[in-house]
Amino acid sequence: MSSSEFRVEKVVSREVLDSRANPTVQVDLYTGSGFGRFSVPSGASKGHLEALELRDGDKQRYAGLGVQKAVENVNKILGPKILGMDSRDQAKIDRILINLDGTENKGRLGANAILGVSIALARASADTTKSPFYRALAEGRKPSLPMPLMNIINGGKHAGNELSFQEFMVIPAGFRTFKEALRCGGEIYHALRLRLEAKYGKSAINVGDEGGFAPPINSVEEALGQINDAVDEAGYSPGQNVALGIDAAADSFYNQASGKYNVDGKLIDGDDLLELYVSLQEKFPLKSIEDPFHDEDFASFTRITKKRGAKVQIVGDDLFVTNIKRVAQGIRVKAANALLVKINQIGTLTETIEAVEMARKANYGLVLSHRSGETEDNSIADISVALATGQIKAGAPARGERTSKYNRLLLIEEELGSSARFYGPEFLKSHN
């Protein structure tokens, strides 16, 4: 193919809606013979060190959440700067975008503007080669279907109930294929629906931001118990082919003034919270604990990793914010043993890959993640396969912005055929 076919010819951005009816940035990028589009996700539970999502602040429009400034930055600054460049030069172009902004947190032009261009560029380059996005991005890695961590009870900032912890996940790990794992998760989701409706009434099966149920439960242990029983009722075996996971999102219930955590209506210190996690892990087949402490408490992350890390995946999200400086610090002190990867936390594809490879080199687990404010864009499905992260968080098997990711993974698995690899059993084996 000629180099002219890969040349960036046009970049255009617009404001579209995400799954919470908030505006977000969508970018289209055209090469000589290819096209890429990306819609930028948005989080509700954000680490304070995340790259900045630029919002307009005009209260007369979308309550100040408009993204017209970010869209304008794409159309007038970022896009024009890369016209004529070779779309295959992803790292070079990403560095240009970063330098155009010139701030540590991408706060001048907006991480949402920069990320929109970065991923649209990668998609357009792949389309130019007429390759699926995951194949073009793999670059020597062996594509791997990720195991889904499915958030089927929502709490914290993702729901209107009194649950302190933000996510309660089912992990269908003990299967040979992604397709079988997805079926398992879907059947457990329906079994849980019946349980919750029977015990708490119809309002209990209303769903939160990520498609999980938001029942009137105020006890962490009760929420895990309901899911564990639903696993059994769906015909699966807790701890044998299905595990459980939680995203505590401890920042959201940490009181900085007192240094204590508000869990189940009680104020407890970090030592008591650690013992709560140990107790839950001994009572349930709990194999993944995300953000168990607030995002500056590397010491407590180190303690829980040393104490339970051989049996449980300790995932750093707000702790690391997909930033190589934070990841390097965690590796040095052995805080956590897995990295949650959110492309909009850092703001470019290149920086995301750098964080993934740094964590992989340190033998950390990898979990590619959606955000609570999503769109029908399914790019993270391809990215998870291409980077062989092994795990993906895309929410419950419900709501179109969640199922679009799962359905894309089904198509990728079908296309890979006999060469498709699925990480689930390996995860289960390594955490038993």
Protein backbone atom coordinates (compact mmCIF):
# COMPACT_ATOMS: atom_id res chain seq x y z
CA MET A 1 0.00 0.00 0.00
CA SER A 2 1.21 3.51 -0.72
CA SER A 3 2.02 5.90 2.10
CA SER A 4 -0.59 8.33 0.77
CA GLU A 5 -3.31 5.89 1.73
CA PHE A 6 -2.27 6.20 5.39
CA ARG A 7 -2.03 10.00 5.36
CA VAL A 8 -4.38 11.81 7.76
CA GLU A 9 -6.72 13.82 5.55
CA LYS A 10 -9.52 14.96 7.83
CA VAL A 11 -10.34 15.09 11.54
CA VAL A 12 -13.76 16.17 12.73
CA SER A 13 -15.32 16.08 16.19
CA ARG A 14 -18.81 16.48 17.61
CA GLU A 15 -20.73 16.31 20.85
CA VAL A 16 -22.78 13.12 21.41
CA LEU A 17 -24.51 11.59 24.43
CA ASP A 18 -23.19 8.89 26.74
CA SER A 19 -25.21 6.33 28.69
CA ARG A 20 -25.97 8.80 31.48
CA ALA A 21 -27.40 11.39 29.06
CA ASN A 22 -24.29 13.51 29.45
CA PRO A 23 -22.38 14.93 26.48
CA THR A 24 -19.13 13.38 25.40
CA VAL A 25 -16.61 13.80 22.58
CA GLN A 26 -16.80 11.77 19.37
CA VAL A 27 -14.01 12.00 16.81
CA ASP A 28 -13.95 10.89 13.16
CA LEU A 29 -10.59 10.56 11.44
CA TYR A 30 -10.11 9.92 7.72
CA THR A 31 -6.97 8.69 6.00
CA GLY A 32 -6.42 8.38 2.26
CA SER A 33 -8.36 5.11 2.25
CA GLY A 34 -9.51 4.50 5.82
CA PHE A 35 -11.87 5.75 8.51
CA GLY A 36 -11.83 5.60 12.31
CA ARG A 37 -14.35 6.77 14.91
CA PHE A 38 -14.15 6.83 18.68
CA SER A 39 -16.56 8.03 21.36
CA VAL A 40 -14.87 8.92 24.65
CA PRO A 41 -16.24 7.36 27.89
CA SER A 42 -16.61 9.15 31.21
CA GLY A 43 -16.33 7.96 34.80
CA ALA A 44 -18.42 8.81 37.86
CA SER A 45 -15.95 7.39 40.37
CA LYS A 46 -12.74 9.15 39.37
CA GLY A 47 -9.29 9.05 40.86
CA HIS A 48 -8.19 12.58 41.65
CA LEU A 49 -5.02 12.02 39.65
CA GLU A 50 -6.79 11.08 36.42
CA ALA A 51 -6.17 13.08 33.27
CA LEU A 52 -8.64 15.95 33.10
CA GLU A 53 -11.91 15.61 31.26
CA LEU A 54 -12.60 19.09 29.88
CA ARG A 55 -16.16 20.33 30.47
CA ASP A 56 -17.62 23.69 29.44
CA GLY A 57 -18.97 24.79 32.82
CA ASP A 58 -21.89 26.66 31.22
CA LYS A 59 -24.75 25.97 33.65
CA GLN A 60 -27.31 27.02 31.04
CA ARG A 61 -26.35 24.02 28.93
CA TYR A 62 -26.28 20.39 30.11
CA ALA A 63 -25.82 21.66 33.68
CA GLY A 64 -22.28 22.71 32.82
CA LEU A 65 -21.26 19.32 31.43
CA GLY A 66 -21.12 20.25 27.76
CA VAL A 67 -17.95 19.42 25.83
CA GLN A 68 -18.04 22.04 23.11
CA LYS A 69 -14.64 23.39 24.18
CA ALA A 70 -13.09 19.94 23.84
CA VAL A 71 -14.77 19.47 20.46
CA GLU A 72 -13.44 22.84 19.30
CA ASN A 73 -9.95 21.87 20.48
CA VAL A 74 -10.10 18.80 18.24
CA ASN A 75 -11.44 20.70 15.24
CA LYS A 76 -9.21 23.77 15.50
CA ILE A 77 -6.00 22.65 17.25
CA LEU A 78 -5.39 18.90 17.44
CA GLY A 79 -6.82 17.81 14.10
CA PRO A 80 -5.15 20.49 11.94
CA LYS A 81 -1.77 19.79 13.55
CA ILE A 82 -1.68 16.16 12.40
CA LEU A 83 -3.06 16.57 8.88
CA GLY A 84 -0.77 14.94 6.34
CA MET A 85 0.94 12.71 8.89
CA ASP A 86 1.21 8.94 8.52
CA SER A 87 -1.51 7.35 10.67
CA ARG A 88 0.78 4.40 11.41
CA ASP A 89 3.02 6.69 13.48
CA GLN A 90 0.79 6.27 16.54
CA ALA A 91 3.42 6.97 19.20
CA LYS A 92 4.82 9.98 17.34
CA ILE A 93 1.39 11.52 16.82
CA ASP A 94 0.32 10.82 20.41
CA ARG A 95 3.42 12.68 21.64
CA ILE A 96 2.52 15.62 19.42
CA LEU A 97 -0.97 15.68 20.95
CA ILE A 98 0.48 15.54 24.46
CA ASN A 99 2.93 18.34 23.72
CA LEU A 100 0.24 20.52 22.16
CA ASP A 101 -1.58 20.39 25.48
CA GLY A 102 1.58 20.91 27.49
CA THR A 103 0.17 20.14 30.95
CA GLU A 104 0.74 17.21 33.29
CA ASN A 105 -2.96 16.22 33.35
CA LYS A 106 -3.96 17.24 29.81
CA GLY A 107 -6.04 19.97 31.38
CA ARG A 108 -5.58 22.68 28.73
CA LEU A 109 -7.04 20.91 25.70
CA GLY A 110 -8.74 18.09 27.61
CA ALA A 111 -7.91 14.40 27.89
CA ASN A 112 -11.29 13.69 26.28
CA ALA A 113 -10.27 15.67 23.19
CA ILE A 114 -6.80 14.09 23.01
CA LEU A 115 -8.03 10.53 23.57
CA GLY A 116 -10.73 10.92 20.94
CA VAL A 117 -8.09 11.73 18.33
CA SER A 118 -5.67 9.05 19.57
CA ILE A 119 -8.08 6.11 19.32
CA ALA A 120 -9.77 7.36 16.13
CA LEU A 121 -6.28 7.50 14.60
CA ALA A 122 -5.55 3.89 15.56
CA ARG A 123 -8.90 2.74 14.20
CA ALA A 124 -8.40 4.61 10.94
CA SER A 125 -4.92 3.13 10.48
CA ALA A 126 -6.33 -0.36 11.02
CA ASP A 127 -9.16 0.30 8.58
CA THR A 128 -6.66 1.50 5.99
CA THR A 129 -4.95 -1.89 6.12
CA LYS A 130 -8.40 -3.56 5.98
CA SER A 131 -7.54 -5.40 9.18
CA PRO A 132 -9.76 -5.77 12.25
CA PHE A 133 -8.72 -3.27 14.90
CA TYR A 134 -7.46 -5.96 17.30
CA ARG A 135 -5.22 -7.54 14.65
CA ALA A 136 -3.66 -4.25 13.61
CA LEU A 137 -3.03 -3.30 17.24
CA ALA A 138 -1.62 -6.66 18.38
CA GLU A 139 1.85 -6.09 16.89
CA GLY A 140 3.30 -9.49 17.67
CA ARG A 141 1.24 -10.25 20.76
CA LYS A 142 -0.95 -13.35 20.62
CA PRO A 143 -4.59 -12.23 20.70
CA SER A 144 -6.40 -13.47 23.81
CA LEU A 145 -10.08 -13.34 24.70
CA PRO A 146 -10.51 -11.69 28.10
CA MET A 147 -12.40 -13.14 31.01
CA PRO A 148 -15.34 -10.87 31.90
CA LEU A 149 -15.66 -9.40 35.40
CA MET A 150 -19.38 -8.64 35.34
CA ASN A 151 -20.78 -6.03 37.73
CA ILE A 152 -24.22 -7.45 38.55
CA ILE A 153 -24.95 -5.56 41.78
CA ASN A 154 -24.22 -1.83 41.72
CA GLY A 155 -23.55 0.30 44.78
CA GLY A 156 -21.56 3.39 45.76
CA LYS A 157 -21.57 6.12 43.12
CA HIS A 158 -23.10 3.78 40.52
CA ALA A 159 -26.48 3.35 42.24
CA GLY A 160 -29.03 4.98 44.52
CA ASN A 161 -28.84 2.42 47.31
CA GLU A 162 -26.89 2.32 50.59
CA LEU A 163 -24.17 -0.15 49.63
CA SER A 164 -20.74 1.22 50.49
CA PHE A 165 -18.86 -0.87 47.94
CA GLN A 166 -19.34 0.15 44.33
CA GLU A 167 -19.34 -3.11 42.40
CA PHE A 168 -20.14 -6.72 43.14
CA MET A 169 -18.98 -8.90 40.28
CA VAL A 170 -19.42 -12.43 39.07
CA ILE A 171 -16.34 -13.93 37.38
CA PRO A 172 -17.19 -16.90 35.11
CA ALA A 173 -13.63 -18.18 34.94
CA GLY A 174 -13.89 -21.94 34.69
CA PHE A 175 -14.80 -22.27 31.03
CA ARG A 176 -12.94 -23.04 27.84
CA THR A 177 -14.35 -20.20 25.74
CA PHE A 178 -15.51 -16.63 26.11
CA LYS A 179 -18.87 -17.64 24.67
CA GLU A 180 -19.42 -20.15 27.47
CA ALA A 181 -18.33 -17.64 30.09
CA LEU A 182 -20.74 -15.02 28.76
CA ARG A 183 -23.60 -17.49 28.81
CA CYS A 184 -22.78 -18.34 32.41
CA GLY A 185 -22.74 -14.67 33.42
CA GLY A 186 -26.06 -14.05 31.68
CA GLU A 187 -27.74 -16.98 33.38
CA ILE A 188 -26.48 -15.92 36.80
CA TYR A 189 -27.74 -12.39 36.11
CA HIS A 190 -31.25 -13.74 35.50
CA ALA A 191 -31.12 -16.02 38.55
CA LEU A 192 -30.12 -13.02 40.64
CA ARG A 193 -33.00 -11.00 39.22
CA LEU A 194 -35.48 -13.63 40.41
CA ARG A 195 -33.89 -13.79 43.87
CA LEU A 196 -33.84 -10.06 44.39
CA GLU A 197 -37.39 -9.53 43.18
CA ALA A 198 -38.70 -12.32 45.41
CA LYS A 199 -36.93 -11.00 48.50
CA TYR A 200 -37.07 -7.21 48.10
CA GLY A 201 -39.82 -6.51 45.57
CA LYS A 202 -39.87 -5.17 42.01
CA SER A 203 -37.90 -2.02 42.79
CA ALA A 204 -34.91 -4.21 43.65
CA ILE A 205 -34.37 -5.11 40.00
CA ASN A 206 -33.95 -1.53 38.85
CA VAL A 207 -30.47 -1.18 37.44
CA GLY A 208 -27.56 1.17 38.14
CA ASP A 209 -25.16 2.92 35.77
CA GLU A 210 -23.42 -0.27 34.69
CA GLY A 211 -26.46 -2.48 34.24
CA GLY A 212 -26.21 -4.28 37.58
CA PHE A 213 -29.14 -4.39 39.94
CA ALA A 214 -29.44 -1.75 42.65
CA PRO A 215 -31.40 -3.47 45.42
CA PRO A 216 -32.14 -1.90 48.85
CA ILE A 217 -29.24 -3.76 50.49
CA ASN A 218 -27.01 -2.01 53.01
CA SER A 219 -24.66 -4.86 53.86
CA VAL A 220 -21.62 -5.84 51.80
CA GLU A 221 -21.84 -9.42 53.03
CA GLU A 222 -25.51 -9.69 52.09
CA ALA A 223 -24.81 -8.49 48.55
CA LEU A 224 -22.09 -11.11 48.07
CA GLY A 225 -24.36 -13.75 49.60
CA GLN A 226 -27.14 -12.99 47.14
CA ILE A 227 -24.79 -13.37 44.18
CA ASN A 228 -23.24 -16.54 45.60
CA ASP A 229 -26.67 -18.12 45.98
CA ALA A 230 -27.65 -17.00 42.47
CA VAL A 231 -24.56 -18.76 41.10
CA ASP A 232 -25.73 -21.98 42.74
CA GLU A 233 -29.33 -21.54 41.59
CA ALA A 234 -28.18 -20.99 38.00
CA GLY A 235 -26.57 -24.42 38.10
CA TYR A 236 -22.94 -23.39 38.53
CA SER A 237 -20.42 -24.05 41.28
CA PRO A 238 -19.16 -21.15 43.40
CA GLY A 239 -15.41 -21.39 43.68
CA GLN A 240 -15.18 -24.17 41.10
CA ASN A 241 -16.15 -22.55 37.82
CA VAL A 242 -17.39 -19.18 39.06
CA ALA A 243 -15.64 -16.71 41.36
CA LEU A 244 -16.75 -13.39 42.84
CA GLY A 245 -15.11 -9.97 42.78
CA ILE A 246 -15.63 -6.55 44.33
CA ASP A 247 -14.63 -3.03 43.49
CA ALA A 248 -14.72 -1.37 46.88
CA ALA A 249 -13.79 2.06 45.42
CA ALA A 250 -12.64 2.95 48.92
CA ASP A 251 -12.05 6.61 48.07
CA SER A 252 -15.81 7.04 47.91
CA PHE A 253 -16.36 6.06 51.56
CA TYR A 254 -13.09 7.29 53.07
CA ASN A 255 -13.18 10.28 55.43
CA GLN A 256 -9.89 12.12 55.10
CA ALA A 257 -10.39 14.17 58.25
CA SER A 258 -10.88 11.17 60.53
CA GLY A 259 -8.82 8.71 58.51
CA LYS A 260 -11.69 6.21 58.72
CA TYR A 261 -13.97 4.37 56.32
CA ASN A 262 -17.78 4.31 56.45
CA VAL A 263 -18.78 0.72 55.73
CA ASP A 264 -22.25 -0.68 56.38
CA GLY A 265 -23.07 2.39 58.45
CA LYS A 266 -20.03 2.03 60.73
CA LEU A 267 -16.81 4.03 60.87
CA ILE A 268 -13.81 1.69 60.85
CA ASP A 269 -10.07 2.20 60.47
CA GLY A 270 -7.78 0.66 57.88
CA ASP A 271 -6.89 -2.33 60.06
CA ASP A 272 -10.55 -3.22 60.54
CA LEU A 273 -11.21 -2.79 56.84
CA LEU A 274 -8.36 -5.17 56.04
CA GLU A 275 -9.85 -7.74 58.37
CA LEU A 276 -13.24 -7.29 56.69
CA TYR A 277 -11.68 -8.19 53.34
CA VAL A 278 -10.00 -11.23 54.86
CA SER A 279 -13.29 -12.32 56.40
CA LEU A 280 -15.17 -11.92 53.11
CA GLN A 281 -12.48 -13.82 51.23
CA GLU A 282 -12.70 -16.70 53.70
CA LYS A 283 -16.50 -16.82 53.53
CA PHE A 284 -17.00 -16.44 49.76
CA PRO A 285 -15.08 -17.46 46.62
CA LEU A 286 -13.80 -13.88 46.40
CA LYS A 287 -10.91 -13.78 43.94
CA SER A 288 -10.62 -10.10 42.99
CA ILE A 289 -10.60 -7.02 45.23
CA GLU A 290 -10.27 -3.65 43.54
CA ASP A 291 -9.31 -0.41 45.30
CA PRO A 292 -9.58 -1.80 48.84
CA PHE A 293 -8.09 1.40 50.35
CA HIS A 294 -7.96 5.07 49.42
CA ASP A 295 -5.75 6.10 46.54
CA GLU A 296 -2.75 7.42 48.49
CA ASP A 297 -2.47 4.49 50.88
CA PHE A 298 0.25 2.49 49.14
CA ALA A 299 1.19 0.99 52.51
CA SER A 300 -2.19 -0.67 53.06
CA PHE A 301 -2.22 -1.93 49.47
CA THR A 302 1.17 -3.50 50.19
CA ARG A 303 -0.12 -5.09 53.41
CA ILE A 304 -3.18 -6.70 51.84
CA THR A 305 -1.13 -7.88 48.85
CA LYS A 306 1.40 -9.52 51.14
CA LYS A 307 -1.32 -11.08 53.30
CA ARG A 308 -3.80 -12.27 50.64
CA GLY A 309 -2.17 -11.72 47.25
CA ALA A 310 -1.37 -15.40 46.70
CA LYS A 311 -5.07 -16.23 46.77
CA VAL A 312 -6.76 -12.99 45.68
CA GLN A 313 -6.16 -10.52 42.88
CA ILE A 314 -5.60 -7.08 44.42
CA VAL A 315 -6.40 -4.53 41.72
CA GLY A 316 -5.20 -0.94 41.68
CA ASP A 317 -7.46 1.52 39.87
CA ASP A 318 -7.56 4.94 41.56
CA LEU A 319 -4.20 4.00 43.06
CA PHE A 320 -2.55 3.82 39.63
CA VAL A 321 -4.84 5.78 37.24
CA THR A 322 -3.13 3.97 34.31
CA ASN A 323 -0.11 6.22 34.85
CA ILE A 324 3.36 4.71 34.52
CA LYS A 325 4.76 6.88 37.35
CA ARG A 326 2.13 5.54 39.75
CA VAL A 327 2.47 1.98 38.43
CA ALA A 328 6.24 2.12 38.92
CA GLN A 329 5.75 3.28 42.50
CA GLY A 330 3.34 0.42 43.18
CA ILE A 331 5.72 -2.13 41.71
CA ARG A 332 8.56 -0.84 43.91
CA VAL A 333 6.60 -1.28 47.14
CA LYS A 334 4.66 -4.37 45.96
CA ALA A 335 1.32 -2.62 46.27
CA ALA A 336 -1.42 -4.64 44.48
CA ASN A 337 -0.76 -7.40 42.00
CA ALA A 338 -3.02 -6.26 39.16
CA LEU A 339 -3.59 -3.07 37.18
CA LEU A 340 -6.98 -1.76 36.11
CA VAL A 341 -6.52 -0.17 32.70
CA LYS A 342 -8.75 2.76 31.72
CA ILE A 343 -7.73 4.49 28.52
CA ASN A 344 -9.39 7.79 29.46
CA GLN A 345 -7.53 7.94 32.80
CA ILE A 346 -4.31 8.67 30.95
CA GLY A 347 -5.58 10.04 27.63
CA THR A 348 -3.68 8.36 24.77
CA LEU A 349 -3.35 4.86 23.38
CA THR A 350 0.46 5.04 23.54
CA GLU A 351 0.53 5.84 27.26
CA THR A 352 -2.03 3.12 27.92
CA ILE A 353 0.17 0.53 26.22
CA GLU A 354 3.21 1.73 28.18
CA ALA A 355 1.37 1.20 31.47
CA VAL A 356 0.16 -2.24 30.36
CA GLU A 357 3.63 -3.42 29.38
CA MET A 358 5.22 -2.08 32.57
CA ALA A 359 2.67 -3.96 34.67
CA ARG A 360 2.99 -7.10 32.57
CA LYS A 361 6.77 -7.09 33.00
CA ALA A 362 6.23 -7.03 36.78
CA ASN A 363 3.85 -10.03 36.51
CA TYR A 364 0.82 -7.96 37.44
CA GLY A 365 -2.60 -9.06 36.26
CA LEU A 366 -4.31 -6.78 33.74
CA VAL A 367 -7.96 -5.77 33.60
CA LEU A 368 -9.10 -3.51 30.77
CA SER A 369 -12.07 -1.45 31.92
CA HIS A 370 -15.03 0.51 30.64
CA ARG A 371 -16.38 3.55 32.52
CA SER A 372 -19.79 4.05 34.10
CA GLY A 373 -20.60 6.66 31.45
CA GLU A 374 -20.21 4.67 28.24
CA THR A 375 -21.39 4.72 24.63
CA GLU A 376 -22.08 1.99 22.10
CA ASP A 377 -18.44 2.26 21.02
CA ASN A 378 -16.81 -1.15 21.48
CA SER A 379 -13.13 -0.26 20.96
CA ILE A 380 -12.09 -1.59 24.37
CA ALA A 381 -13.12 -5.10 23.29
CA ASP A 382 -10.56 -5.03 20.48
CA ILE A 383 -7.96 -3.36 22.69
CA SER A 384 -8.33 -6.04 25.38
CA VAL A 385 -7.80 -8.79 22.82
CA ALA A 386 -4.90 -7.01 21.09
CA LEU A 387 -3.05 -6.25 24.33
CA ALA A 388 -3.86 -9.73 25.73
CA THR A 389 -4.95 -8.23 29.04
CA GLY A 390 -6.72 -11.45 29.96
CA GLN A 391 -9.57 -9.69 31.78
CA ILE A 392 -12.18 -7.08 30.95
CA LYS A 393 -14.71 -5.09 32.95
CA ALA A 394 -17.62 -4.05 30.75
CA GLY A 395 -20.49 -4.12 33.25
CA ALA A 396 -23.48 -6.39 33.56
CA PRO A 397 -24.71 -8.41 30.56
CA ALA A 398 -27.44 -5.78 30.12
CA ARG A 399 -27.82 -2.27 28.61
CA GLY A 400 -26.68 -1.73 25.05
CA GLU A 401 -23.53 0.21 25.89
CA ARG A 402 -22.34 -2.82 27.91
CA THR A 403 -23.51 -5.64 25.63
CA SER A 404 -21.90 -3.96 22.61
CA LYS A 405 -18.51 -4.84 24.13
CA TYR A 406 -19.50 -8.44 24.91
CA ASN A 407 -21.07 -8.96 21.49
CA ARG A 408 -17.94 -7.62 19.80
CA LEU A 409 -15.86 -10.15 21.76
CA LEU A 410 -18.14 -12.94 20.54
CA LEU A 411 -17.45 -11.90 16.95
CA ILE A 412 -13.71 -11.73 17.56
CA GLU A 413 -13.72 -15.21 19.12
CA GLU A 414 -15.64 -16.54 16.13
CA GLU A 415 -13.17 -14.94 13.72
CA LEU A 416 -10.14 -16.31 15.57
CA GLY A 417 -11.65 -19.80 15.47
CA SER A 418 -9.42 -22.58 16.75
CA SER A 419 -6.63 -20.11 17.50
CA ALA A 420 -8.76 -18.25 20.05
CA ARG A 421 -7.36 -18.34 23.58
CA PHE A 422 -9.43 -17.66 26.70
CA TYR A 423 -7.79 -16.65 29.96
CA GLY A 424 -10.45 -17.77 32.48
CA PRO A 425 -9.23 -21.20 33.65
CA GLU A 426 -5.69 -19.85 33.98
CA PHE A 427 -6.97 -17.12 36.32
CA LEU A 428 -8.91 -19.60 38.42
CA LYS A 429 -5.93 -21.92 38.70
CA SER A 430 -3.53 -19.15 39.73
CA HIS A 431 -5.84 -17.90 42.51
CA ASN A 432 -6.71 -21.22 44.15
